[in-house]
N, C-alpha and C. Protein backbone atom coordinates (compact mmCIF):
# COMPACT_ATOMS: atom_id res chain seq x y z
N MET A 1 47.91 10.78 -20.84
CA MET A 1 48.53 11.00 -19.55
C MET A 1 49.95 10.43 -19.61
N PRO A 2 50.95 11.23 -19.26
CA PRO A 2 52.33 10.74 -19.27
C PRO A 2 52.51 9.54 -18.32
N ASP A 3 53.43 8.65 -18.69
CA ASP A 3 53.65 7.43 -17.90
C ASP A 3 54.00 7.71 -16.45
N LYS A 4 54.80 8.74 -16.19
CA LYS A 4 55.20 9.05 -14.82
C LYS A 4 53.98 9.39 -13.96
N ILE A 5 53.08 10.18 -14.50
CA ILE A 5 51.86 10.54 -13.76
C ILE A 5 50.97 9.32 -13.60
N ARG A 6 50.84 8.51 -14.66
CA ARG A 6 50.02 7.30 -14.59
C ARG A 6 50.55 6.36 -13.50
N ILE A 7 51.87 6.23 -13.39
CA ILE A 7 52.47 5.37 -12.36
C ILE A 7 52.19 5.93 -10.97
N MET A 8 52.26 7.26 -10.81
CA MET A 8 51.95 7.86 -9.51
C MET A 8 50.51 7.56 -9.13
N HIS A 9 49.58 7.71 -10.08
CA HIS A 9 48.17 7.41 -9.81
C HIS A 9 47.99 5.92 -9.51
N ALA A 10 48.70 5.09 -10.23
CA ALA A 10 48.61 3.64 -10.01
C ALA A 10 49.02 3.29 -8.58
N LYS A 11 50.06 3.93 -8.08
CA LYS A 11 50.50 3.66 -6.71
C LYS A 11 49.40 4.04 -5.71
N GLU A 12 48.72 5.16 -5.94
CA GLU A 12 47.63 5.57 -5.05
C GLU A 12 46.47 4.58 -5.12
N VAL A 13 46.15 4.13 -6.31
CA VAL A 13 45.06 3.17 -6.48
C VAL A 13 45.39 1.86 -5.78
N ILE A 14 46.59 1.35 -6.01
CA ILE A 14 47.01 0.09 -5.38
C ILE A 14 47.02 0.25 -3.86
N GLU A 15 47.50 1.37 -3.36
CA GLU A 15 47.51 1.63 -1.91
C GLU A 15 46.08 1.63 -1.36
N ASN A 16 45.14 2.23 -2.09
CA ASN A 16 43.74 2.25 -1.66
C ASN A 16 43.18 0.83 -1.58
N ILE A 17 43.49 0.02 -2.57
CA ILE A 17 43.01 -1.37 -2.58
C ILE A 17 43.61 -2.15 -1.41
N MET A 18 44.90 -2.02 -1.20
CA MET A 18 45.60 -2.82 -0.20
C MET A 18 45.31 -2.38 1.24
N THR A 19 44.83 -1.16 1.43
CA THR A 19 44.59 -0.68 2.80
C THR A 19 43.11 -0.65 3.18
N ARG A 20 42.23 -0.99 2.26
CA ARG A 20 40.80 -1.02 2.58
C ARG A 20 40.51 -2.14 3.58
N THR A 21 39.70 -1.83 4.57
CA THR A 21 39.29 -2.82 5.56
C THR A 21 37.78 -2.73 5.75
N SER A 22 37.21 -3.77 6.31
CA SER A 22 35.79 -3.74 6.66
C SER A 22 35.63 -2.96 7.95
N VAL A 23 34.78 -1.95 7.92
CA VAL A 23 34.57 -1.06 9.08
C VAL A 23 33.14 -1.26 9.57
N ARG A 24 33.01 -1.52 10.87
CA ARG A 24 31.70 -1.82 11.46
C ARG A 24 31.29 -0.87 12.58
N SER A 25 32.08 0.17 12.81
CA SER A 25 31.79 1.12 13.88
C SER A 25 32.02 2.53 13.34
N TYR A 26 31.03 3.40 13.54
CA TYR A 26 31.04 4.69 12.86
C TYR A 26 30.81 5.85 13.82
N GLU A 27 31.36 7.00 13.43
CA GLU A 27 31.10 8.23 14.16
C GLU A 27 29.64 8.63 13.95
N ASN A 28 29.14 9.42 14.87
CA ASN A 28 27.75 9.88 14.79
C ASN A 28 27.69 11.17 13.97
N ARG A 29 27.94 11.04 12.67
CA ARG A 29 27.80 12.18 11.78
C ARG A 29 27.41 11.69 10.40
N PRO A 30 26.59 12.48 9.71
CA PRO A 30 26.08 12.04 8.41
C PRO A 30 27.16 12.05 7.33
N VAL A 31 26.93 11.26 6.31
CA VAL A 31 27.77 11.29 5.12
C VAL A 31 27.16 12.31 4.17
N GLU A 32 28.01 13.20 3.68
CA GLU A 32 27.55 14.28 2.81
C GLU A 32 26.95 13.72 1.51
N LYS A 33 25.90 14.39 1.03
CA LYS A 33 25.22 13.93 -0.18
C LYS A 33 26.17 13.83 -1.37
N GLU A 34 27.11 14.77 -1.48
CA GLU A 34 28.06 14.74 -2.60
C GLU A 34 28.88 13.44 -2.56
N LYS A 35 29.24 13.00 -1.37
CA LYS A 35 30.00 11.76 -1.24
C LYS A 35 29.12 10.55 -1.58
N ILE A 36 27.86 10.60 -1.19
CA ILE A 36 26.94 9.51 -1.53
C ILE A 36 26.81 9.39 -3.05
N ILE A 37 26.66 10.53 -3.71
CA ILE A 37 26.56 10.52 -5.18
C ILE A 37 27.84 9.95 -5.78
N THR A 38 28.99 10.31 -5.24
CA THR A 38 30.26 9.78 -5.73
C THR A 38 30.30 8.26 -5.56
N LEU A 39 29.84 7.76 -4.42
CA LEU A 39 29.81 6.32 -4.19
C LEU A 39 28.92 5.63 -5.24
N LEU A 40 27.76 6.20 -5.50
CA LEU A 40 26.85 5.62 -6.48
C LEU A 40 27.44 5.66 -7.88
N LYS A 41 28.09 6.75 -8.22
CA LYS A 41 28.74 6.84 -9.54
C LYS A 41 29.85 5.79 -9.66
N ALA A 42 30.59 5.59 -8.57
CA ALA A 42 31.64 4.57 -8.58
C ALA A 42 31.03 3.19 -8.80
N GLY A 43 29.93 2.91 -8.12
CA GLY A 43 29.25 1.63 -8.32
C GLY A 43 28.81 1.44 -9.76
N MET A 44 28.27 2.49 -10.34
CA MET A 44 27.78 2.41 -11.72
C MET A 44 28.90 2.41 -12.75
N ALA A 45 30.12 2.69 -12.33
CA ALA A 45 31.26 2.64 -13.24
C ALA A 45 31.83 1.23 -13.36
N ALA A 46 31.28 0.30 -12.62
CA ALA A 46 31.78 -1.08 -12.63
C ALA A 46 31.53 -1.74 -13.99
N PRO A 47 32.35 -2.73 -14.32
CA PRO A 47 32.09 -3.49 -15.54
C PRO A 47 30.88 -4.39 -15.33
N SER A 48 30.22 -4.73 -16.43
CA SER A 48 29.10 -5.67 -16.35
C SER A 48 29.04 -6.47 -17.66
N ALA A 49 28.53 -7.67 -17.55
CA ALA A 49 28.43 -8.55 -18.71
C ALA A 49 27.58 -7.88 -19.80
N VAL A 50 28.12 -7.80 -20.99
CA VAL A 50 27.46 -7.22 -22.15
C VAL A 50 26.98 -5.79 -21.86
N ASP A 51 27.62 -5.14 -20.89
CA ASP A 51 27.29 -3.77 -20.49
C ASP A 51 25.81 -3.59 -20.16
N ARG A 52 25.21 -4.62 -19.55
CA ARG A 52 23.79 -4.57 -19.21
C ARG A 52 23.52 -3.73 -17.97
N ARG A 53 24.49 -3.60 -17.09
CA ARG A 53 24.36 -2.81 -15.86
C ARG A 53 23.10 -3.20 -15.08
N PRO A 54 22.99 -4.46 -14.69
CA PRO A 54 21.76 -4.92 -14.03
C PRO A 54 21.73 -4.64 -12.54
N TRP A 55 21.92 -3.39 -12.19
CA TRP A 55 21.94 -3.03 -10.78
C TRP A 55 20.95 -1.92 -10.50
N TYR A 56 20.61 -1.83 -9.25
CA TYR A 56 19.74 -0.76 -8.75
C TYR A 56 20.14 -0.54 -7.31
N PHE A 57 20.15 0.70 -6.84
CA PHE A 57 20.67 1.03 -5.52
C PHE A 57 19.61 1.72 -4.67
N TYR A 58 19.42 1.24 -3.45
CA TYR A 58 18.57 1.91 -2.47
C TYR A 58 19.51 2.61 -1.48
N VAL A 59 19.35 3.91 -1.34
CA VAL A 59 20.15 4.69 -0.40
C VAL A 59 19.31 4.88 0.86
N VAL A 60 19.88 4.49 1.99
CA VAL A 60 19.14 4.55 3.26
C VAL A 60 19.88 5.47 4.22
N THR A 61 19.22 6.56 4.61
CA THR A 61 19.79 7.48 5.60
C THR A 61 18.84 7.67 6.78
N ASP A 62 17.61 7.23 6.65
CA ASP A 62 16.61 7.36 7.70
C ASP A 62 16.99 6.45 8.88
N ARG A 63 17.09 7.03 10.07
CA ARG A 63 17.52 6.29 11.27
C ARG A 63 16.64 5.09 11.58
N GLN A 64 15.33 5.24 11.41
CA GLN A 64 14.42 4.12 11.70
C GLN A 64 14.63 2.98 10.71
N LYS A 65 14.83 3.32 9.46
CA LYS A 65 15.07 2.28 8.44
C LYS A 65 16.41 1.60 8.68
N LEU A 66 17.42 2.37 9.06
CA LEU A 66 18.73 1.79 9.36
C LEU A 66 18.62 0.82 10.54
N ALA A 67 17.87 1.21 11.56
CA ALA A 67 17.68 0.32 12.71
C ALA A 67 16.90 -0.92 12.31
N ALA A 68 15.95 -0.78 11.39
CA ALA A 68 15.15 -1.92 10.95
C ALA A 68 15.99 -2.92 10.15
N ILE A 69 17.04 -2.44 9.48
CA ILE A 69 17.94 -3.35 8.75
C ILE A 69 18.53 -4.36 9.73
N LYS A 70 18.88 -3.89 10.92
CA LYS A 70 19.45 -4.77 11.95
C LYS A 70 18.50 -5.92 12.27
N THR A 71 17.22 -5.63 12.37
CA THR A 71 16.22 -6.65 12.67
C THR A 71 16.02 -7.58 11.48
N ALA A 72 16.00 -7.00 10.29
CA ALA A 72 15.75 -7.79 9.07
C ALA A 72 16.90 -8.73 8.76
N THR A 73 18.11 -8.25 8.91
CA THR A 73 19.30 -9.06 8.60
C THR A 73 20.33 -8.85 9.69
N PRO A 74 20.35 -9.73 10.67
CA PRO A 74 21.25 -9.56 11.82
C PRO A 74 22.74 -9.41 11.47
N ASN A 75 23.14 -9.94 10.31
CA ASN A 75 24.54 -9.78 9.90
C ASN A 75 24.87 -8.32 9.58
N ALA A 76 23.84 -7.49 9.45
CA ALA A 76 24.03 -6.06 9.20
C ALA A 76 23.64 -5.24 10.42
N ALA A 77 23.83 -5.79 11.61
CA ALA A 77 23.43 -5.12 12.85
C ALA A 77 24.06 -3.75 13.00
N MET A 78 25.26 -3.56 12.47
CA MET A 78 25.94 -2.26 12.60
C MET A 78 25.19 -1.13 11.89
N ALA A 79 24.24 -1.47 11.02
CA ALA A 79 23.46 -0.44 10.32
C ALA A 79 22.67 0.42 11.29
N ALA A 80 22.29 -0.15 12.43
CA ALA A 80 21.49 0.59 13.41
C ALA A 80 22.23 1.81 13.95
N LYS A 81 23.55 1.79 13.91
CA LYS A 81 24.34 2.91 14.43
C LYS A 81 25.13 3.63 13.34
N ALA A 82 24.80 3.33 12.09
CA ALA A 82 25.49 3.95 10.95
C ALA A 82 24.63 5.07 10.37
N PRO A 83 25.26 6.02 9.70
CA PRO A 83 24.49 7.09 9.07
C PRO A 83 23.99 6.76 7.66
N LEU A 84 24.50 5.64 7.09
CA LEU A 84 24.19 5.37 5.69
C LEU A 84 24.29 3.88 5.40
N ALA A 85 23.40 3.42 4.56
CA ALA A 85 23.51 2.09 3.97
C ALA A 85 23.09 2.19 2.51
N ILE A 86 23.75 1.43 1.69
CA ILE A 86 23.36 1.31 0.28
C ILE A 86 23.03 -0.14 0.04
N ILE A 87 21.80 -0.39 -0.38
CA ILE A 87 21.39 -1.75 -0.71
C ILE A 87 21.58 -1.92 -2.21
N VAL A 88 22.46 -2.83 -2.57
CA VAL A 88 22.74 -3.12 -3.98
C VAL A 88 21.79 -4.23 -4.40
N CYS A 89 21.02 -3.96 -5.43
CA CYS A 89 20.06 -4.95 -5.94
C CYS A 89 20.43 -5.34 -7.36
N GLY A 90 20.02 -6.55 -7.72
CA GLY A 90 20.09 -6.97 -9.11
C GLY A 90 18.76 -6.70 -9.77
N ASP A 91 18.79 -6.04 -10.92
CA ASP A 91 17.58 -5.71 -11.66
C ASP A 91 17.36 -6.78 -12.72
N MET A 92 16.39 -7.66 -12.50
CA MET A 92 16.14 -8.77 -13.41
C MET A 92 15.59 -8.31 -14.75
N ASN A 93 15.07 -7.08 -14.82
CA ASN A 93 14.63 -6.54 -16.11
C ASN A 93 15.82 -6.19 -16.99
N LYS A 94 17.01 -6.02 -16.39
CA LYS A 94 18.20 -5.70 -17.16
C LYS A 94 19.19 -6.86 -17.23
N ALA A 95 18.95 -7.91 -16.46
CA ALA A 95 19.85 -9.05 -16.42
C ALA A 95 19.78 -9.84 -17.73
N LEU A 96 20.86 -10.51 -18.05
CA LEU A 96 20.88 -11.38 -19.21
C LEU A 96 19.92 -12.55 -18.97
N THR A 97 19.59 -13.24 -20.02
CA THR A 97 18.68 -14.37 -19.91
C THR A 97 19.42 -15.67 -20.25
N GLY A 98 18.74 -16.77 -20.06
CA GLY A 98 19.31 -18.07 -20.40
C GLY A 98 20.46 -18.44 -19.49
N ASN A 99 21.46 -19.09 -20.06
CA ASN A 99 22.62 -19.56 -19.29
C ASN A 99 23.40 -18.43 -18.63
N ASP A 100 23.26 -17.23 -19.14
CA ASP A 100 24.02 -16.09 -18.61
C ASP A 100 23.25 -15.29 -17.56
N HIS A 101 22.05 -15.75 -17.20
CA HIS A 101 21.21 -14.98 -16.28
C HIS A 101 21.91 -14.67 -14.96
N GLU A 102 22.58 -15.64 -14.37
CA GLU A 102 23.19 -15.45 -13.04
C GLU A 102 24.39 -14.51 -13.04
N LEU A 103 24.82 -14.05 -14.20
CA LEU A 103 25.94 -13.10 -14.25
C LEU A 103 25.60 -11.79 -13.55
N TRP A 104 24.32 -11.53 -13.32
CA TRP A 104 23.94 -10.29 -12.61
C TRP A 104 24.63 -10.23 -11.25
N ALA A 105 24.83 -11.38 -10.60
CA ALA A 105 25.46 -11.38 -9.28
C ALA A 105 26.92 -10.95 -9.36
N GLN A 106 27.60 -11.33 -10.42
CA GLN A 106 28.98 -10.87 -10.61
C GLN A 106 29.01 -9.36 -10.86
N ASP A 107 28.05 -8.89 -11.65
CA ASP A 107 27.98 -7.45 -11.92
C ASP A 107 27.69 -6.66 -10.65
N ALA A 108 26.78 -7.16 -9.82
CA ALA A 108 26.48 -6.50 -8.54
C ALA A 108 27.69 -6.54 -7.62
N SER A 109 28.46 -7.62 -7.68
CA SER A 109 29.69 -7.72 -6.88
C SER A 109 30.71 -6.68 -7.31
N ALA A 110 30.86 -6.50 -8.61
CA ALA A 110 31.80 -5.50 -9.11
C ALA A 110 31.38 -4.09 -8.68
N ALA A 111 30.07 -3.81 -8.77
CA ALA A 111 29.57 -2.49 -8.33
C ALA A 111 29.82 -2.30 -6.83
N THR A 112 29.60 -3.37 -6.07
CA THR A 112 29.81 -3.30 -4.62
C THR A 112 31.27 -3.01 -4.29
N GLU A 113 32.18 -3.72 -4.93
CA GLU A 113 33.61 -3.49 -4.66
C GLU A 113 34.01 -2.06 -5.02
N ASN A 114 33.49 -1.54 -6.12
CA ASN A 114 33.79 -0.15 -6.47
C ASN A 114 33.32 0.81 -5.38
N ILE A 115 32.14 0.56 -4.83
CA ILE A 115 31.62 1.42 -3.77
C ILE A 115 32.51 1.32 -2.53
N LEU A 116 32.91 0.11 -2.17
CA LEU A 116 33.79 -0.07 -1.01
C LEU A 116 35.11 0.67 -1.19
N LEU A 117 35.70 0.57 -2.36
CA LEU A 117 36.98 1.24 -2.62
C LEU A 117 36.80 2.75 -2.65
N ALA A 118 35.71 3.23 -3.24
CA ALA A 118 35.46 4.67 -3.27
C ALA A 118 35.24 5.20 -1.86
N ALA A 119 34.51 4.44 -1.04
CA ALA A 119 34.29 4.86 0.35
C ALA A 119 35.62 5.03 1.06
N HIS A 120 36.49 4.07 0.91
CA HIS A 120 37.81 4.15 1.57
C HIS A 120 38.59 5.36 1.06
N ALA A 121 38.56 5.59 -0.24
CA ALA A 121 39.28 6.73 -0.82
C ALA A 121 38.73 8.06 -0.32
N LEU A 122 37.44 8.10 0.04
CA LEU A 122 36.81 9.33 0.53
C LEU A 122 36.92 9.49 2.04
N GLY A 123 37.66 8.60 2.71
CA GLY A 123 37.82 8.70 4.16
C GLY A 123 36.67 8.09 4.93
N LEU A 124 35.84 7.30 4.26
CA LEU A 124 34.73 6.62 4.90
C LEU A 124 35.11 5.19 5.20
N GLY A 125 34.34 4.57 6.06
CA GLY A 125 34.51 3.15 6.32
C GLY A 125 33.25 2.44 5.87
N ALA A 126 33.40 1.21 5.41
CA ALA A 126 32.24 0.47 4.91
C ALA A 126 32.44 -1.01 5.10
N VAL A 127 31.32 -1.74 5.12
CA VAL A 127 31.37 -3.19 5.21
C VAL A 127 30.27 -3.76 4.31
N TRP A 128 30.61 -4.83 3.60
CA TRP A 128 29.68 -5.55 2.73
C TRP A 128 29.00 -6.60 3.57
N THR A 129 27.67 -6.54 3.69
CA THR A 129 26.93 -7.56 4.41
C THR A 129 26.03 -8.29 3.41
N ALA A 130 26.14 -9.60 3.39
CA ALA A 130 25.46 -10.41 2.38
C ALA A 130 23.96 -10.50 2.63
N THR A 131 23.23 -10.47 1.55
CA THR A 131 21.79 -10.72 1.58
C THR A 131 21.52 -11.94 0.69
N TYR A 132 21.70 -11.78 -0.60
CA TYR A 132 21.53 -12.87 -1.56
C TYR A 132 22.70 -13.84 -1.42
N PRO A 133 22.50 -15.12 -1.47
CA PRO A 133 21.32 -15.90 -1.83
C PRO A 133 20.53 -16.42 -0.64
N VAL A 134 20.71 -15.86 0.55
CA VAL A 134 20.00 -16.35 1.73
C VAL A 134 18.55 -15.86 1.65
N GLU A 135 17.63 -16.78 1.39
CA GLU A 135 16.23 -16.43 1.11
C GLU A 135 15.60 -15.58 2.21
N GLU A 136 15.86 -15.93 3.48
CA GLU A 136 15.25 -15.17 4.58
C GLU A 136 15.71 -13.71 4.56
N ARG A 137 16.97 -13.48 4.25
CA ARG A 137 17.48 -12.11 4.19
C ARG A 137 16.90 -11.36 3.00
N VAL A 138 16.86 -12.03 1.85
CA VAL A 138 16.28 -11.40 0.66
C VAL A 138 14.83 -10.99 0.94
N GLU A 139 14.06 -11.90 1.51
CA GLU A 139 12.66 -11.62 1.81
C GLU A 139 12.52 -10.49 2.83
N ALA A 140 13.35 -10.50 3.85
CA ALA A 140 13.26 -9.47 4.89
C ALA A 140 13.57 -8.08 4.34
N ILE A 141 14.63 -7.95 3.56
CA ILE A 141 14.98 -6.64 2.99
C ILE A 141 13.93 -6.22 1.96
N THR A 142 13.43 -7.18 1.18
CA THR A 142 12.39 -6.88 0.20
C THR A 142 11.15 -6.32 0.89
N ARG A 143 10.73 -6.95 1.98
CA ARG A 143 9.56 -6.47 2.73
C ARG A 143 9.82 -5.10 3.35
N LEU A 144 10.98 -4.95 3.98
CA LEU A 144 11.30 -3.71 4.69
C LEU A 144 11.26 -2.50 3.77
N PHE A 145 11.77 -2.64 2.56
CA PHE A 145 11.85 -1.50 1.64
C PHE A 145 10.81 -1.56 0.52
N ASP A 146 9.89 -2.52 0.63
CA ASP A 146 8.84 -2.68 -0.38
C ASP A 146 9.46 -2.72 -1.79
N ILE A 147 10.46 -3.55 -1.92
CA ILE A 147 11.21 -3.66 -3.17
C ILE A 147 10.39 -4.46 -4.18
N PRO A 148 10.25 -3.95 -5.40
CA PRO A 148 9.48 -4.67 -6.41
C PRO A 148 10.10 -6.02 -6.77
N GLN A 149 9.28 -6.90 -7.29
CA GLN A 149 9.67 -8.28 -7.54
C GLN A 149 10.84 -8.43 -8.51
N HIS A 150 11.00 -7.50 -9.46
CA HIS A 150 12.07 -7.63 -10.45
C HIS A 150 13.44 -7.23 -9.89
N LEU A 151 13.49 -6.73 -8.65
CA LEU A 151 14.76 -6.38 -8.01
C LEU A 151 15.06 -7.39 -6.91
N ILE A 152 16.29 -7.87 -6.90
CA ILE A 152 16.73 -8.82 -5.87
C ILE A 152 17.79 -8.14 -5.01
N PRO A 153 17.52 -7.95 -3.71
CA PRO A 153 18.54 -7.37 -2.83
C PRO A 153 19.75 -8.30 -2.76
N PHE A 154 20.89 -7.80 -3.19
CA PHE A 154 22.11 -8.59 -3.24
C PHE A 154 22.92 -8.46 -1.95
N ASN A 155 23.06 -7.23 -1.48
CA ASN A 155 23.77 -6.98 -0.23
C ASN A 155 23.41 -5.61 0.31
N THR A 156 23.84 -5.38 1.53
CA THR A 156 23.72 -4.06 2.14
C THR A 156 25.12 -3.61 2.50
N ILE A 157 25.52 -2.48 1.96
CA ILE A 157 26.81 -1.89 2.30
C ILE A 157 26.54 -0.84 3.37
N VAL A 158 27.08 -1.06 4.56
CA VAL A 158 26.90 -0.12 5.67
C VAL A 158 28.10 0.81 5.65
N ILE A 159 27.84 2.12 5.75
CA ILE A 159 28.87 3.13 5.50
C ILE A 159 28.80 4.25 6.54
N GLY A 160 29.95 4.78 6.90
CA GLY A 160 30.03 5.95 7.77
C GLY A 160 31.48 6.36 7.96
N TYR A 161 31.65 7.39 8.75
CA TYR A 161 33.02 7.80 9.11
C TYR A 161 33.50 6.86 10.20
N PRO A 162 34.64 6.20 10.00
CA PRO A 162 35.09 5.19 10.97
C PRO A 162 35.41 5.80 12.33
N LYS A 163 35.02 5.08 13.38
CA LYS A 163 35.37 5.50 14.74
C LYS A 163 36.85 5.28 15.02
N THR A 164 37.39 4.21 14.48
CA THR A 164 38.80 3.89 14.68
C THR A 164 39.43 3.53 13.34
N GLU A 165 40.73 3.62 13.30
CA GLU A 165 41.46 3.27 12.09
C GLU A 165 41.55 1.76 11.94
N GLY A 166 41.26 1.28 10.75
CA GLY A 166 41.34 -0.16 10.49
C GLY A 166 42.78 -0.62 10.33
N HIS A 167 42.96 -1.90 10.46
CA HIS A 167 44.29 -2.51 10.29
C HIS A 167 44.21 -3.52 9.16
N PRO A 168 44.67 -3.12 7.97
CA PRO A 168 44.57 -4.03 6.83
C PRO A 168 45.39 -5.30 7.05
N LYS A 169 44.88 -6.39 6.49
CA LYS A 169 45.56 -7.68 6.57
C LYS A 169 46.30 -7.93 5.28
N ASP A 170 47.46 -8.52 5.40
CA ASP A 170 48.17 -8.97 4.21
C ASP A 170 47.61 -10.34 3.87
N LYS A 171 46.80 -10.41 2.82
CA LYS A 171 46.10 -11.64 2.48
C LYS A 171 46.82 -12.43 1.37
N TRP A 172 47.99 -11.99 0.99
CA TRP A 172 48.75 -12.69 -0.05
C TRP A 172 49.07 -14.10 0.42
N ASN A 173 48.76 -15.07 -0.41
CA ASN A 173 49.05 -16.47 -0.11
C ASN A 173 49.45 -17.14 -1.41
N GLU A 174 50.74 -17.34 -1.56
CA GLU A 174 51.26 -17.89 -2.81
C GLU A 174 50.70 -19.28 -3.12
N SER A 175 50.29 -20.01 -2.10
CA SER A 175 49.74 -21.35 -2.35
C SER A 175 48.36 -21.29 -3.02
N ASP A 176 47.77 -20.11 -3.10
CA ASP A 176 46.50 -19.95 -3.80
C ASP A 176 46.69 -19.54 -5.26
N VAL A 177 47.92 -19.64 -5.74
CA VAL A 177 48.25 -19.21 -7.10
C VAL A 177 48.91 -20.36 -7.83
N ASN A 178 48.55 -20.51 -9.10
CA ASN A 178 49.21 -21.49 -9.94
C ASN A 178 49.63 -20.81 -11.22
N TRP A 179 50.79 -21.13 -11.70
CA TRP A 179 51.32 -20.53 -12.91
C TRP A 179 51.25 -21.55 -14.05
N ASP A 180 50.36 -21.34 -14.96
CA ASP A 180 50.22 -22.10 -16.21
C ASP A 180 49.63 -23.49 -16.07
N ASN A 181 50.03 -24.30 -15.11
CA ASN A 181 49.52 -25.66 -14.97
C ASN A 181 49.15 -25.93 -13.53
N TYR A 182 48.02 -26.59 -13.35
CA TYR A 182 47.58 -26.91 -11.99
C TYR A 182 48.44 -28.01 -11.41
N GLU A 183 48.89 -27.75 -10.18
CA GLU A 183 49.61 -28.78 -9.41
C GLU A 183 48.92 -28.89 -8.09
N ASP A 184 48.57 -30.10 -7.72
CA ASP A 184 47.95 -30.33 -6.42
C ASP A 184 49.06 -30.39 -5.38
N THR A 185 49.17 -29.34 -4.60
CA THR A 185 50.23 -29.25 -3.59
C THR A 185 49.84 -30.00 -2.32
N ASN A 186 48.62 -30.53 -2.27
CA ASN A 186 48.15 -31.25 -1.08
C ASN A 186 48.35 -32.76 -1.19
N LYS A 187 49.12 -33.22 -2.18
CA LYS A 187 49.35 -34.66 -2.36
C LYS A 187 50.21 -35.21 -1.26
């Protein structure tokens, strides 16, 4: 790909990253299956430690199940009025073992961020609602979806067409950056 075209694409990618916002209110219309597949493919395109890909995805479009998510995990209350949720799970059968076992959570995070960015690029709105490591939430989602023991619900991404346009925040904070050597600026 010529550099000029690569730079044009880079600008679009950076713009997508910088303008993504958490969306918690959705229009009353379904997300097309083709877009759902694209979201899942984006999640599966994420990097993972030793390329283990220790993730598994539950796609929820059933209205009763979406409403039940609200009861199971109140931080995901917006699921009751959304057309779609994707529950990102860690698959312990594919996770690394020993000291590297917990890397599955980083891999699930990378998959989640890819889904959020893909949703924004497709004109959808989405929000990441935490499940793991809060035991009550993990147990509630596990019971609700009869999730097998080797899968750990990591989060629920609630998705739909946004009712209103989000307002991205400029989160740049130079005091959170250090160049080459740590300096305690709070002295």
